[in-house]
């Protein structure tokens, strides 16, 4: 499994919302799905990013 952060936001009226929820749960159960742009932005802002070296970027 990947260690990369993943942020998932779904519009509450999206017709395939359940599909997104199920697939996310199956692949990345630790990911919290949010239902507003504000909540999604908050998740990103609150994430503690690690310092990435140039070498790591080249091999990514």
Protein backbone atom coordinates (compact mmCIF):
# COMPACT_ATOMS: atom_id res chain seq x y z
CA UNK A 1 0.00 0.00 0.00
CA UNK A 2 1.17 3.51 -0.66
CA UNK A 3 2.15 6.01 1.99
CA UNK A 4 1.25 8.99 -0.19
CA UNK A 5 -1.45 11.29 1.14
CA UNK A 6 -4.79 11.11 -0.62
CA UNK A 7 -7.63 13.59 -0.30
CA UNK A 8 -11.06 12.70 -1.62
CA UNK A 9 -13.93 15.11 -1.90
CA UNK A 10 -17.33 14.26 -3.33
CA UNK A 11 -20.22 16.58 -4.06
CA UNK A 12 -23.19 15.46 -1.92
CA UNK A 13 -25.44 15.24 -4.99
CA UNK A 14 -22.95 13.31 -7.13
CA UNK A 15 -24.84 10.38 -8.67
CA UNK A 16 -21.97 7.89 -8.17
CA UNK A 17 -21.08 8.99 -4.66
CA UNK A 18 -21.59 5.49 -3.26
CA UNK A 19 -19.17 4.07 -5.84
CA UNK A 20 -16.48 6.52 -4.73
CA UNK A 21 -17.11 5.65 -1.08
CA UNK A 22 -16.93 1.89 -1.65
CA UNK A 23 -13.87 1.95 -3.89
CA UNK A 24 -12.00 4.28 -1.54
CA UNK A 25 -12.87 2.09 1.44
CA UNK A 26 -11.61 -1.01 -0.36
CA UNK A 27 -8.30 0.46 -1.47
CA UNK A 28 -7.51 3.11 1.16
CA UNK A 29 -9.71 2.56 4.23
CA UNK A 30 -7.78 5.19 6.21
CA UNK A 31 -8.82 7.98 3.82
CA UNK A 32 -11.58 10.23 5.08
CA UNK A 33 -14.01 11.30 2.34
CA UNK A 34 -15.39 14.80 2.72
CA UNK A 35 -18.42 16.40 1.14
CA UNK A 36 -17.53 20.07 0.86
CA UNK A 37 -14.77 22.06 -0.74
CA UNK A 38 -14.07 23.76 2.58
CA UNK A 39 -13.51 20.40 4.30
CA UNK A 40 -11.24 19.23 1.50
CA UNK A 41 -9.15 22.40 1.69
CA UNK A 42 -8.92 21.99 5.46
CA UNK A 43 -7.57 18.45 5.10
CA UNK A 44 -4.85 19.64 2.75
CA UNK A 45 -3.95 22.63 4.91
CA UNK A 46 -3.71 20.48 8.05
CA UNK A 47 -1.50 17.82 6.49
CA UNK A 48 2.06 17.73 7.79
CA UNK A 49 4.20 17.50 4.67
CA UNK A 50 7.65 15.99 4.96
CA UNK A 51 10.60 17.77 3.46
CA UNK A 52 11.40 16.14 0.12
CA UNK A 53 14.91 16.21 -1.29
CA UNK A 54 15.70 16.73 -4.97
CA UNK A 55 16.92 13.15 -5.19
CA UNK A 56 13.59 11.85 -3.91
CA UNK A 57 11.75 13.98 -6.48
CA UNK A 58 13.88 12.60 -9.31
CA UNK A 59 13.15 9.00 -8.32
CA UNK A 60 9.42 9.51 -7.70
